[in-house]
Amino acid sequence: MKKLFLAFCTATLFIACDKVKVDMKNSDKKDSLANDEWKPVDSATATKAWMDYATPGEMQKMIAKADGNWNGETTMWMEDGAQPMTSKSEATNKMMFDGRYQMSTHKGNMMGMPFEGVSILGYDNSKKKFVSTWIDNMGTGIMNMEGDWNSSSKSIEFKGKMTDPSRPGKDCNVREVFTFVDDNTQKMEMFGPDPKTGKEFKTMEIKFTRK
């Protein structure tokens, strides 16, 4: 298995390097890839980097502690100062790909309609950041976020962008704070722009308790 992985890494690196050479020959000054300074890396260094990148560590183990079934209590605000709407949901977390990522499936009700969502959470060993994606049955886009660990508050602060369908072709900035209160309690807080002012406000809070 290890030999197969090393072969894959070597082949991937060769293809990537070869592609950059071709792109640099065939591109003009407007090509950002061609303008990036390309520094060659020897095969031993590249192989070790790939191994480190692909090997689950302490951060992945921390994520895995949340595996299992959870109940969610959601509070949602449509605009700053608006009357909150509440609902209940259920979530199931399960690590995948030998402990590299955690898939979460969510089911419940939102604004009186059935709601389903799926997220993938991981820790990028190379970027040293948490990475997250989100899709649900109330949209057709994918939300991507990256976040940093705050050891003092035991939380991850994610930042990213999501589609703003009220402004076609535009994205809006979003922020999420996910707090690991204890082994059986978690809290997710989502922040986005107020539709009237554009200023950030808390749009959603979900309190998760382990079943």
N, C-alpha and C. Protein backbone atom coordinates (compact mmCIF):
# COMPACT_ATOMS: atom_id res chain seq x y z
N MET A 1 0.83 -1.21 0.00
CA MET A 1 0.00 0.00 0.00
C MET A 1 0.86 1.25 0.00
N LYS A 2 1.94 1.21 0.81
CA LYS A 2 2.81 2.38 0.90
C LYS A 2 3.51 2.63 -0.43
N LYS A 3 3.97 1.52 -1.10
CA LYS A 3 4.62 1.67 -2.38
C LYS A 3 3.67 2.26 -3.41
N LEU A 4 2.41 1.81 -3.35
CA LEU A 4 1.41 2.33 -4.27
C LEU A 4 1.18 3.81 -4.05
N PHE A 5 1.14 4.21 -2.77
CA PHE A 5 0.93 5.62 -2.43
C PHE A 5 2.11 6.47 -2.91
N LEU A 6 3.33 5.98 -2.70
CA LEU A 6 4.52 6.71 -3.13
C LEU A 6 4.54 6.86 -4.65
N ALA A 7 4.12 5.80 -5.34
CA ALA A 7 4.06 5.86 -6.80
C ALA A 7 3.05 6.91 -7.25
N PHE A 8 1.91 6.94 -6.56
CA PHE A 8 0.87 7.92 -6.88
C PHE A 8 1.39 9.34 -6.67
N CYS A 9 2.09 9.57 -5.55
CA CYS A 9 2.62 10.89 -5.25
C CYS A 9 3.62 11.33 -6.30
N THR A 10 4.51 10.41 -6.68
CA THR A 10 5.54 10.73 -7.67
C THR A 10 4.90 11.07 -9.01
N ALA A 11 3.92 10.26 -9.41
CA ALA A 11 3.23 10.50 -10.68
C ALA A 11 2.48 11.82 -10.66
N THR A 12 1.81 12.10 -9.53
CA THR A 12 1.06 13.36 -9.40
C THR A 12 1.99 14.55 -9.50
N LEU A 13 3.13 14.46 -8.83
CA LEU A 13 4.09 15.55 -8.84
C LEU A 13 4.64 15.76 -10.25
N PHE A 14 4.96 14.65 -10.96
CA PHE A 14 5.49 14.74 -12.31
C PHE A 14 4.49 15.41 -13.24
N ILE A 15 3.22 14.98 -13.15
CA ILE A 15 2.17 15.55 -14.00
C ILE A 15 1.98 17.03 -13.71
N ALA A 16 1.98 17.38 -12.41
CA ALA A 16 1.79 18.79 -12.02
C ALA A 16 2.93 19.64 -12.54
N CYS A 17 4.18 19.15 -12.39
CA CYS A 17 5.34 19.91 -12.84
C CYS A 17 5.30 20.08 -14.36
N ASP A 18 4.98 18.99 -15.06
CA ASP A 18 4.95 19.02 -16.51
C ASP A 18 3.87 19.97 -17.00
N LYS A 19 2.72 19.99 -16.30
CA LYS A 19 1.62 20.89 -16.69
C LYS A 19 2.04 22.34 -16.53
N VAL A 20 2.74 22.64 -15.44
CA VAL A 20 3.18 24.01 -15.22
C VAL A 20 4.12 24.46 -16.32
N LYS A 21 5.06 23.56 -16.75
CA LYS A 21 5.99 23.90 -17.81
C LYS A 21 5.25 24.21 -19.10
N VAL A 22 4.24 23.37 -19.43
CA VAL A 22 3.46 23.58 -20.65
C VAL A 22 2.68 24.87 -20.56
N ASP A 23 2.03 25.10 -19.40
CA ASP A 23 1.21 26.30 -19.23
C ASP A 23 2.06 27.56 -19.33
N MET A 24 3.29 27.50 -18.79
CA MET A 24 4.14 28.68 -18.81
C MET A 24 4.60 28.99 -20.23
N LYS A 25 4.76 27.94 -21.06
CA LYS A 25 5.16 28.16 -22.44
C LYS A 25 4.01 28.72 -23.27
N ASN A 26 2.80 28.28 -22.97
CA ASN A 26 1.66 28.62 -23.81
C ASN A 26 0.82 29.77 -23.28
N SER A 27 1.21 30.38 -22.17
CA SER A 27 0.37 31.42 -21.58
C SER A 27 1.01 32.79 -21.73
N ASP A 28 0.18 33.82 -21.55
CA ASP A 28 0.69 35.17 -21.61
C ASP A 28 0.86 35.73 -20.22
N LYS A 29 1.14 37.02 -20.12
CA LYS A 29 1.43 37.65 -18.83
C LYS A 29 0.21 37.70 -17.93
N LYS A 30 -0.97 37.53 -18.46
CA LYS A 30 -2.18 37.58 -17.65
C LYS A 30 -2.42 36.27 -16.91
N ASP A 31 -1.68 35.23 -17.25
CA ASP A 31 -1.84 33.93 -16.61
C ASP A 31 -1.15 33.94 -15.25
N SER A 32 -1.94 33.87 -14.18
CA SER A 32 -1.37 33.96 -12.84
C SER A 32 -0.46 32.77 -12.54
N LEU A 33 -0.79 31.60 -13.09
CA LEU A 33 0.03 30.43 -12.84
C LEU A 33 1.42 30.61 -13.45
N ALA A 34 1.46 31.18 -14.64
CA ALA A 34 2.74 31.38 -15.31
C ALA A 34 3.59 32.41 -14.58
N ASN A 35 2.95 33.38 -13.94
CA ASN A 35 3.69 34.42 -13.25
C ASN A 35 4.16 34.00 -11.87
N ASP A 36 3.60 32.92 -11.33
CA ASP A 36 4.05 32.44 -10.03
C ASP A 36 5.47 31.89 -10.17
N GLU A 37 6.26 32.16 -9.15
CA GLU A 37 7.62 31.64 -9.15
C GLU A 37 7.58 30.15 -8.85
N TRP A 38 8.06 29.35 -9.78
CA TRP A 38 8.05 27.90 -9.61
C TRP A 38 9.39 27.44 -9.07
N LYS A 39 9.37 26.81 -7.91
CA LYS A 39 10.59 26.32 -7.30
C LYS A 39 10.61 24.80 -7.36
N PRO A 40 11.61 24.22 -7.98
CA PRO A 40 11.68 22.75 -8.07
C PRO A 40 11.88 22.12 -6.70
N VAL A 41 11.28 20.94 -6.53
CA VAL A 41 11.40 20.19 -5.27
C VAL A 41 11.92 18.80 -5.59
N ASP A 42 12.92 18.34 -4.83
CA ASP A 42 13.45 17.01 -5.10
C ASP A 42 12.44 15.96 -4.69
N SER A 43 12.55 14.75 -5.26
CA SER A 43 11.55 13.71 -5.08
C SER A 43 11.41 13.27 -3.62
N ALA A 44 12.51 13.22 -2.88
CA ALA A 44 12.44 12.79 -1.48
C ALA A 44 11.65 13.79 -0.64
N THR A 45 11.91 15.08 -0.87
CA THR A 45 11.18 16.12 -0.13
C THR A 45 9.71 16.11 -0.50
N ALA A 46 9.43 15.94 -1.79
CA ALA A 46 8.03 15.93 -2.24
C ALA A 46 7.28 14.73 -1.67
N THR A 47 7.94 13.57 -1.67
CA THR A 47 7.29 12.37 -1.14
C THR A 47 6.97 12.51 0.34
N LYS A 48 7.91 13.05 1.12
CA LYS A 48 7.66 13.26 2.55
C LYS A 48 6.53 14.25 2.76
N ALA A 49 6.50 15.31 1.94
CA ALA A 49 5.44 16.30 2.07
C ALA A 49 4.08 15.68 1.80
N TRP A 50 3.99 14.81 0.80
CA TRP A 50 2.74 14.13 0.49
C TRP A 50 2.33 13.19 1.62
N MET A 51 3.29 12.48 2.18
CA MET A 51 2.99 11.57 3.27
C MET A 51 2.46 12.32 4.49
N ASP A 52 3.12 13.46 4.82
CA ASP A 52 2.66 14.28 5.94
C ASP A 52 1.27 14.84 5.69
N TYR A 53 1.04 15.23 4.45
CA TYR A 53 -0.25 15.81 4.06
C TYR A 53 -1.38 14.78 4.18
N ALA A 54 -1.07 13.52 3.88
CA ALA A 54 -2.10 12.48 3.81
C ALA A 54 -2.31 11.71 5.10
N THR A 55 -1.47 11.93 6.10
CA THR A 55 -1.54 11.13 7.32
C THR A 55 -2.38 11.83 8.39
N PRO A 56 -3.48 11.22 8.84
CA PRO A 56 -4.30 11.82 9.91
C PRO A 56 -3.47 11.99 11.19
N GLY A 57 -3.73 13.10 11.89
CA GLY A 57 -3.00 13.40 13.12
C GLY A 57 -3.94 13.76 14.26
N GLU A 58 -3.43 14.57 15.18
CA GLU A 58 -4.18 14.92 16.38
C GLU A 58 -5.45 15.71 16.06
N MET A 59 -5.41 16.58 15.08
CA MET A 59 -6.59 17.37 14.74
C MET A 59 -7.71 16.48 14.19
N GLN A 60 -7.34 15.52 13.38
CA GLN A 60 -8.35 14.59 12.86
C GLN A 60 -8.93 13.74 14.00
N LYS A 61 -8.08 13.37 14.97
CA LYS A 61 -8.56 12.60 16.11
C LYS A 61 -9.55 13.42 16.94
N MET A 62 -9.29 14.72 17.04
CA MET A 62 -10.20 15.60 17.77
C MET A 62 -11.56 15.65 17.08
N ILE A 63 -11.54 15.76 15.75
CA ILE A 63 -12.79 15.77 15.00
C ILE A 63 -13.56 14.48 15.22
N ALA A 64 -12.83 13.36 15.22
CA ALA A 64 -13.47 12.04 15.33
C ALA A 64 -14.22 11.86 16.64
N LYS A 65 -13.86 12.61 17.69
CA LYS A 65 -14.55 12.49 18.97
C LYS A 65 -16.03 12.85 18.86
N ALA A 66 -16.37 13.59 17.80
CA ALA A 66 -17.76 14.02 17.62
C ALA A 66 -18.57 13.01 16.82
N ASP A 67 -17.98 11.87 16.46
CA ASP A 67 -18.74 10.84 15.75
C ASP A 67 -19.94 10.40 16.58
N GLY A 68 -21.05 10.13 15.91
CA GLY A 68 -22.24 9.66 16.62
C GLY A 68 -23.47 10.46 16.24
N ASN A 69 -24.52 10.29 17.03
CA ASN A 69 -25.81 10.93 16.76
C ASN A 69 -26.06 12.08 17.73
N TRP A 70 -26.58 13.18 17.19
CA TRP A 70 -26.78 14.40 17.97
C TRP A 70 -28.17 14.98 17.74
N ASN A 71 -28.70 15.64 18.76
CA ASN A 71 -29.92 16.44 18.65
C ASN A 71 -29.53 17.91 18.53
N GLY A 72 -30.25 18.64 17.67
CA GLY A 72 -29.95 20.05 17.49
C GLY A 72 -31.15 20.94 17.79
N GLU A 73 -30.89 22.05 18.49
CA GLU A 73 -31.90 23.07 18.73
C GLU A 73 -31.46 24.34 18.02
N THR A 74 -32.22 24.73 16.99
CA THR A 74 -31.82 25.83 16.11
C THR A 74 -32.59 27.10 16.42
N THR A 75 -31.88 28.20 16.48
CA THR A 75 -32.49 29.54 16.56
C THR A 75 -31.99 30.32 15.35
N MET A 76 -32.92 30.93 14.62
CA MET A 76 -32.57 31.57 13.36
C MET A 76 -33.18 32.97 13.29
N TRP A 77 -32.39 33.93 12.75
CA TRP A 77 -32.85 35.30 12.59
C TRP A 77 -32.75 35.69 11.12
N MET A 78 -33.82 36.24 10.54
CA MET A 78 -33.82 36.64 9.13
C MET A 78 -33.12 37.98 8.92
N GLU A 79 -33.14 38.84 9.95
CA GLU A 79 -32.42 40.11 9.90
C GLU A 79 -32.12 40.55 11.32
N ASP A 80 -31.21 41.48 11.45
CA ASP A 80 -30.77 41.92 12.77
C ASP A 80 -31.94 42.49 13.56
N GLY A 81 -32.16 41.96 14.76
CA GLY A 81 -33.23 42.44 15.62
C GLY A 81 -34.58 41.80 15.36
N ALA A 82 -34.66 40.91 14.38
CA ALA A 82 -35.93 40.26 14.05
C ALA A 82 -36.29 39.21 15.10
N GLN A 83 -37.55 38.85 15.14
CA GLN A 83 -38.01 37.81 16.05
C GLN A 83 -37.39 36.48 15.64
N PRO A 84 -36.78 35.76 16.56
CA PRO A 84 -36.14 34.49 16.20
C PRO A 84 -37.13 33.39 15.88
N MET A 85 -36.73 32.49 15.01
CA MET A 85 -37.50 31.28 14.70
C MET A 85 -36.73 30.09 15.24
N THR A 86 -37.44 29.15 15.82
CA THR A 86 -36.78 27.99 16.43
C THR A 86 -37.25 26.70 15.76
N SER A 87 -36.38 25.71 15.77
CA SER A 87 -36.72 24.40 15.22
C SER A 87 -35.77 23.36 15.80
N LYS A 88 -36.08 22.10 15.55
CA LYS A 88 -35.25 21.01 16.04
C LYS A 88 -34.73 20.19 14.86
N SER A 89 -33.60 19.54 15.08
CA SER A 89 -33.00 18.74 14.02
C SER A 89 -32.20 17.58 14.62
N GLU A 90 -31.74 16.71 13.74
CA GLU A 90 -30.89 15.60 14.15
C GLU A 90 -29.68 15.56 13.23
N ALA A 91 -28.54 15.19 13.78
CA ALA A 91 -27.31 15.11 12.99
C ALA A 91 -26.59 13.80 13.30
N THR A 92 -25.99 13.24 12.27
CA THR A 92 -25.17 12.04 12.42
C THR A 92 -23.79 12.32 11.84
N ASN A 93 -22.75 12.14 12.66
CA ASN A 93 -21.37 12.38 12.24
C ASN A 93 -20.63 11.06 12.10
N LYS A 94 -19.86 10.93 11.02
CA LYS A 94 -19.10 9.70 10.81
C LYS A 94 -17.81 10.00 10.05
N MET A 95 -16.68 9.57 10.61
CA MET A 95 -15.40 9.75 9.92
C MET A 95 -15.36 8.86 8.69
N MET A 96 -14.64 9.33 7.66
CA MET A 96 -14.54 8.60 6.41
C MET A 96 -13.10 8.64 5.91
N PHE A 97 -12.82 7.79 4.92
CA PHE A 97 -11.47 7.70 4.34
C PHE A 97 -10.41 7.51 5.41
N ASP A 98 -10.62 6.48 6.23
CA ASP A 98 -9.65 6.10 7.27
C ASP A 98 -9.30 7.25 8.22
N GLY A 99 -10.35 7.96 8.64
CA GLY A 99 -10.16 9.00 9.66
C GLY A 99 -9.66 10.32 9.15
N ARG A 100 -9.80 10.59 7.85
CA ARG A 100 -9.30 11.84 7.30
C ARG A 100 -10.34 12.96 7.30
N TYR A 101 -11.59 12.61 7.14
CA TYR A 101 -12.66 13.62 7.08
C TYR A 101 -13.86 13.12 7.88
N GLN A 102 -14.70 14.07 8.26
CA GLN A 102 -15.94 13.71 8.95
C GLN A 102 -17.13 14.19 8.11
N MET A 103 -18.02 13.26 7.78
CA MET A 103 -19.25 13.61 7.08
C MET A 103 -20.38 13.75 8.09
N SER A 104 -21.13 14.83 7.98
CA SER A 104 -22.27 15.06 8.86
C SER A 104 -23.53 15.19 8.03
N THR A 105 -24.55 14.42 8.38
CA THR A 105 -25.85 14.53 7.72
C THR A 105 -26.85 15.12 8.69
N HIS A 106 -27.61 16.10 8.24
CA HIS A 106 -28.55 16.83 9.09
C HIS A 106 -29.95 16.70 8.53
N LYS A 107 -30.92 16.50 9.41
CA LYS A 107 -32.32 16.44 9.01
C LYS A 107 -33.16 17.17 10.04
N GLY A 108 -34.17 17.89 9.55
CA GLY A 108 -35.04 18.61 10.46
C GLY A 108 -36.07 19.40 9.69
N ASN A 109 -36.49 20.51 10.28
CA ASN A 109 -37.44 21.42 9.64
C ASN A 109 -36.92 22.84 9.74
N MET A 110 -37.14 23.61 8.68
CA MET A 110 -36.73 25.01 8.68
C MET A 110 -37.80 25.82 7.99
N MET A 111 -38.31 26.83 8.69
CA MET A 111 -39.38 27.68 8.17
C MET A 111 -40.58 26.85 7.70
N GLY A 112 -40.85 25.78 8.46
CA GLY A 112 -42.01 24.94 8.18
C GLY A 112 -41.82 23.95 7.06
N MET A 113 -40.61 23.81 6.54
CA MET A 113 -40.35 22.89 5.44
C MET A 113 -39.29 21.86 5.84
N PRO A 114 -39.36 20.64 5.28
CA PRO A 114 -38.35 19.63 5.56
C PRO A 114 -36.97 20.13 5.14
N PHE A 115 -36.00 19.86 5.97
CA PHE A 115 -34.64 20.35 5.71
C PHE A 115 -33.65 19.20 5.79
N GLU A 116 -32.72 19.14 4.82
CA GLU A 116 -31.64 18.16 4.83
C GLU A 116 -30.35 18.85 4.39
N GLY A 117 -29.26 18.51 5.05
CA GLY A 117 -27.97 19.08 4.69
C GLY A 117 -26.84 18.10 4.94
N VAL A 118 -25.74 18.30 4.23
CA VAL A 118 -24.56 17.46 4.38
C VAL A 118 -23.32 18.35 4.43
N SER A 119 -22.46 18.07 5.39
CA SER A 119 -21.20 18.81 5.48
C SER A 119 -20.03 17.83 5.52
N ILE A 120 -18.89 18.30 5.03
CA ILE A 120 -17.63 17.57 5.13
C ILE A 120 -16.66 18.46 5.91
N LEU A 121 -16.11 17.92 6.98
CA LEU A 121 -15.17 18.67 7.81
C LEU A 121 -13.83 17.94 7.83
N GLY A 122 -12.76 18.69 7.68
CA GLY A 122 -11.44 18.11 7.74
C GLY A 122 -10.42 19.10 8.26
N TYR A 123 -9.20 18.62 8.42
CA TYR A 123 -8.09 19.49 8.79
C TYR A 123 -7.00 19.31 7.74
N ASP A 124 -6.68 20.38 7.03
CA ASP A 124 -5.69 20.34 5.97
C ASP A 124 -4.30 20.42 6.62
N ASN A 125 -3.57 19.31 6.60
CA ASN A 125 -2.26 19.26 7.25
C ASN A 125 -1.25 20.20 6.63
N SER A 126 -1.42 20.52 5.36
CA SER A 126 -0.48 21.40 4.68
C SER A 126 -0.78 22.87 4.97
N LYS A 127 -2.06 23.24 4.89
CA LYS A 127 -2.45 24.62 5.17
C LYS A 127 -2.46 24.94 6.66
N LYS A 128 -2.52 23.89 7.50
CA LYS A 128 -2.68 24.05 8.95
C LYS A 128 -3.99 24.76 9.26
N LYS A 129 -5.03 24.40 8.54
CA LYS A 129 -6.34 25.01 8.74
C LYS A 129 -7.42 23.94 8.65
N PHE A 130 -8.53 24.19 9.35
CA PHE A 130 -9.71 23.36 9.19
C PHE A 130 -10.42 23.78 7.90
N VAL A 131 -10.99 22.81 7.21
CA VAL A 131 -11.69 23.08 5.96
C VAL A 131 -13.08 22.46 6.04
N SER A 132 -14.05 23.13 5.43
CA SER A 132 -15.44 22.69 5.55
C SER A 132 -16.21 23.00 4.28
N THR A 133 -17.12 22.08 3.92
CA THR A 133 -18.07 22.35 2.83
C THR A 133 -19.48 22.08 3.34
N TRP A 134 -20.46 22.71 2.70
CA TRP A 134 -21.85 22.53 3.11
C TRP A 134 -22.75 22.58 1.89
N ILE A 135 -23.69 21.60 1.80
CA ILE A 135 -24.75 21.62 0.80
C ILE A 135 -26.06 21.25 1.49
N ASP A 136 -27.19 21.73 0.96
CA ASP A 136 -28.48 21.36 1.52
C ASP A 136 -29.55 21.42 0.46
N ASN A 137 -30.77 21.02 0.84
CA ASN A 137 -31.88 20.96 -0.11
C ASN A 137 -32.58 22.29 -0.29
N MET A 138 -32.02 23.37 0.26
CA MET A 138 -32.61 24.69 0.09
C MET A 138 -31.71 25.59 -0.77
N GLY A 139 -30.88 24.98 -1.58
CA GLY A 139 -30.01 25.74 -2.47
C GLY A 139 -29.42 24.83 -3.52
N THR A 140 -28.60 25.40 -4.40
CA THR A 140 -27.95 24.62 -5.45
C THR A 140 -26.46 24.89 -5.51
N GLY A 141 -25.93 25.62 -4.53
CA GLY A 141 -24.52 25.94 -4.49
C GLY A 141 -23.81 25.16 -3.39
N ILE A 142 -22.51 25.38 -3.29
CA ILE A 142 -21.68 24.76 -2.26
C ILE A 142 -20.97 25.86 -1.48
N MET A 143 -21.09 25.82 -0.17
CA MET A 143 -20.40 26.79 0.68
C MET A 143 -19.08 26.19 1.14
N ASN A 144 -17.99 26.94 0.94
CA ASN A 144 -16.66 26.50 1.34
C ASN A 144 -16.10 27.47 2.37
N MET A 145 -15.51 26.92 3.44
CA MET A 145 -14.93 27.75 4.47
C MET A 145 -13.61 27.16 4.97
N GLU A 146 -12.76 28.03 5.50
CA GLU A 146 -11.53 27.62 6.16
C GLU A 146 -11.50 28.26 7.54
N GLY A 147 -10.89 27.56 8.51
CA GLY A 147 -10.91 28.08 9.86
C GLY A 147 -9.67 27.76 10.66
N ASP A 148 -9.47 28.54 11.71
CA ASP A 148 -8.34 28.37 12.63
C ASP A 148 -8.83 27.93 14.00
N TRP A 149 -8.02 27.14 14.67
CA TRP A 149 -8.33 26.61 15.99
C TRP A 149 -7.97 27.64 17.06
N ASN A 150 -8.90 27.87 17.99
CA ASN A 150 -8.65 28.74 19.14
C ASN A 150 -8.66 27.86 20.38
N SER A 151 -7.47 27.59 20.92
CA SER A 151 -7.37 26.65 22.04
C SER A 151 -7.99 27.19 23.32
N SER A 152 -7.98 28.52 23.51
CA SER A 152 -8.53 29.09 24.73
C SER A 152 -10.05 28.95 24.80
N SER A 153 -10.73 29.07 23.67
CA SER A 153 -12.19 28.95 23.64
C SER A 153 -12.65 27.59 23.13
N LYS A 154 -11.71 26.73 22.78
CA LYS A 154 -12.01 25.41 22.21
C LYS A 154 -12.99 25.53 21.04
N SER A 155 -12.64 26.41 20.13
CA SER A 155 -13.54 26.67 19.00
C SER A 155 -12.74 26.85 17.71
N ILE A 156 -13.45 26.67 16.60
CA ILE A 156 -12.90 26.94 15.27
C ILE A 156 -13.66 28.12 14.69
N GLU A 157 -12.94 29.12 14.22
CA GLU A 157 -13.59 30.24 13.54
C GLU A 157 -13.39 30.08 12.04
N PHE A 158 -14.48 29.77 11.36
CA PHE A 158 -14.45 29.58 9.91
C PHE A 158 -14.81 30.90 9.21
N LYS A 159 -14.19 31.11 8.06
CA LYS A 159 -14.55 32.24 7.20
C LYS A 159 -14.64 31.74 5.76
N GLY A 160 -15.61 32.27 5.02
CA GLY A 160 -15.76 31.85 3.64
C GLY A 160 -16.80 32.68 2.92
N LYS A 161 -17.27 32.15 1.81
CA LYS A 161 -18.27 32.84 1.00
C LYS A 161 -19.39 31.88 0.63
N MET A 162 -20.56 32.44 0.41
CA MET A 162 -21.68 31.65 -0.07
C MET A 162 -22.47 32.47 -1.08
N THR A 163 -23.24 31.77 -1.90
CA THR A 163 -24.05 32.44 -2.91
C THR A 163 -25.10 33.32 -2.27
N ASP A 164 -25.27 34.53 -2.81
CA ASP A 164 -26.36 35.41 -2.37
C ASP A 164 -27.37 35.48 -3.51
N PRO A 165 -28.40 34.61 -3.50
CA PRO A 165 -29.35 34.55 -4.62
C PRO A 165 -30.13 35.85 -4.84
N SER A 166 -30.22 36.71 -3.81
CA SER A 166 -30.93 37.97 -3.98
C SER A 166 -30.11 38.97 -4.79
N ARG A 167 -28.81 38.66 -4.99
CA ARG A 167 -27.93 39.48 -5.82
C ARG A 167 -27.26 38.54 -6.82
N PRO A 168 -27.93 38.26 -7.93
CA PRO A 168 -27.47 37.26 -8.89
C PRO A 168 -26.00 37.43 -9.28
N GLY A 169 -25.27 36.32 -9.20
CA GLY A 169 -23.87 36.34 -9.58
C GLY A 169 -22.94 36.83 -8.50
N LYS A 170 -23.48 37.17 -7.35
CA LYS A 170 -22.66 37.70 -6.26
C LYS A 170 -22.58 36.71 -5.10
N ASP A 171 -21.47 36.76 -4.40
CA ASP A 171 -21.30 36.01 -3.16
C ASP A 171 -21.34 36.97 -1.99
N CYS A 172 -21.58 36.43 -0.80
CA CYS A 172 -21.51 37.24 0.41
C CYS A 172 -20.57 36.55 1.40
N ASN A 173 -19.94 37.33 2.24
CA ASN A 173 -19.04 36.79 3.24
C ASN A 173 -19.84 36.16 4.38
N VAL A 174 -19.36 35.01 4.84
CA VAL A 174 -19.99 34.34 5.98
C VAL A 174 -18.90 33.96 6.98
N ARG A 175 -19.31 33.84 8.22
CA ARG A 175 -18.39 33.45 9.29
C ARG A 175 -19.11 32.49 10.21
N GLU A 176 -18.39 31.48 10.67
CA GLU A 176 -18.97 30.49 11.57
C GLU A 176 -18.02 30.24 12.73
N VAL A 177 -18.58 30.19 13.92
CA VAL A 177 -17.81 29.83 15.11
C VAL A 177 -18.38 28.53 15.64
N PHE A 178 -17.56 27.47 15.62
CA PHE A 178 -18.00 26.16 16.10
C PHE A 178 -17.25 25.85 17.38
N THR A 179 -18.00 25.74 18.48
CA THR A 179 -17.39 25.56 19.80
C THR A 179 -17.61 24.16 20.32
N PHE A 180 -16.51 23.51 20.75
CA PHE A 180 -16.59 22.20 21.38
C PHE A 180 -16.73 22.42 22.88
N VAL A 181 -17.98 22.57 23.34
CA VAL A 181 -18.23 22.91 24.75
C VAL A 181 -17.69 21.80 25.65
N ASP A 182 -18.08 20.57 25.37
CA ASP A 182 -17.53 19.39 26.03
C ASP A 182 -17.78 18.19 25.12
N ASP A 183 -17.48 16.99 25.59
CA ASP A 183 -17.60 15.81 24.72
C ASP A 183 -19.03 15.53 24.27
N ASN A 184 -20.01 16.11 24.98
CA ASN A 184 -21.41 15.83 24.67
C ASN A 184 -22.21 17.07 24.29
N THR A 185 -21.52 18.20 24.14
CA THR A 185 -22.20 19.47 23.84
C THR A 185 -21.37 20.27 22.84
N GLN A 186 -22.03 20.76 21.80
CA GLN A 186 -21.37 21.61 20.81
C GLN A 186 -22.29 22.78 20.46
N LYS A 187 -21.69 23.85 19.96
CA LYS A 187 -22.49 25.02 19.56
C LYS A 187 -21.95 25.58 18.25
N MET A 188 -22.86 25.82 17.32
CA MET A 188 -22.51 26.42 16.05
C MET A 188 -23.19 27.78 15.92
N GLU A 189 -22.41 28.82 15.65
CA GLU A 189 -22.94 30.16 15.46
C GLU A 189 -22.57 30.63 14.06
N MET A 190 -23.57 31.06 13.29
CA MET A 190 -23.34 31.52 11.92
C MET A 190 -23.61 33.02 11.83
N PHE A 191 -22.74 33.72 11.11
CA PHE A 191 -22.87 35.17 10.94
C PHE A 191 -22.84 35.51 9.46
N GLY A 192 -23.66 36.47 9.07
CA GLY A 192 -23.71 36.91 7.69
C GLY A 192 -24.17 38.36 7.61
N PRO A 193 -24.30 38.91 6.39
CA PRO A 193 -24.68 40.31 6.23
C PRO A 193 -26.18 40.54 6.43
N ASP A 194 -26.52 41.60 7.13
CA ASP A 194 -27.92 41.98 7.27
C ASP A 194 -28.45 42.40 5.89
N PRO A 195 -29.62 41.90 5.47
CA PRO A 195 -30.12 42.21 4.13
C PRO A 195 -30.39 43.70 3.89
N LYS A 196 -30.59 44.47 4.97
CA LYS A 196 -30.89 45.90 4.81
C LYS A 196 -29.63 46.77 4.86
N THR A 197 -28.70 46.40 5.75
CA THR A 197 -27.53 47.26 5.97
C THR A 197 -26.23 46.66 5.44
N GLY A 198 -26.18 45.35 5.26
CA GLY A 198 -24.95 44.71 4.83
C GLY A 198 -23.98 44.44 5.96
N LYS A 199 -24.32 44.91 7.18
CA LYS A 199 -23.44 44.69 8.32
C LYS A 199 -23.62 43.27 8.87
N GLU A 200 -22.55 42.73 9.43
CA GLU A 200 -22.60 41.37 9.95
C GLU A 200 -23.50 41.27 11.18
N PHE A 201 -24.28 40.19 11.23
CA PHE A 201 -25.08 39.90 12.41
C PHE A 201 -25.21 38.39 12.53
N LYS A 202 -25.62 37.92 13.70
CA LYS A 202 -25.79 36.49 13.90
C LYS A 202 -27.06 36.02 13.22
N THR A 203 -26.92 35.10 12.26
CA THR A 203 -28.07 34.60 11.52
C THR A 203 -28.63 33.31 12.09
N MET A 204 -27.76 32.53 12.77
CA MET A 204 -28.21 31.22 13.24
C MET A 204 -27.35 30.75 14.41
N GLU A 205 -27.99 29.99 15.30
CA GLU A 205 -27.26 29.32 16.36
C GLU A 205 -27.88 27.93 16.54
N ILE A 206 -27.03 26.90 16.57
CA ILE A 206 -27.50 25.55 16.81
C ILE A 206 -26.75 24.98 18.00
N LYS A 207 -27.51 24.51 18.98
CA LYS A 207 -26.92 23.85 20.13
C LYS A 207 -27.10 22.34 19.96
N PHE A 208 -25.98 21.63 19.90
CA PHE A 208 -26.00 20.19 19.69
C PHE A 208 -25.74 19.46 21.02
N THR A 209 -26.55 18.45 21.30
CA THR A 209 -26.32 17.58 22.44
C THR A 209 -26.30 16.13 21.95
N ARG A 210 -25.34 15.38 22.46
CA ARG A 210 -25.20 13.99 22.00
C ARG A 210 -26.37 13.15 22.48
N LYS A 211 -26.86 12.28 21.60
CA LYS A 211 -27.96 11.39 21.98
C LYS A 211 -27.47 10.32 22.94
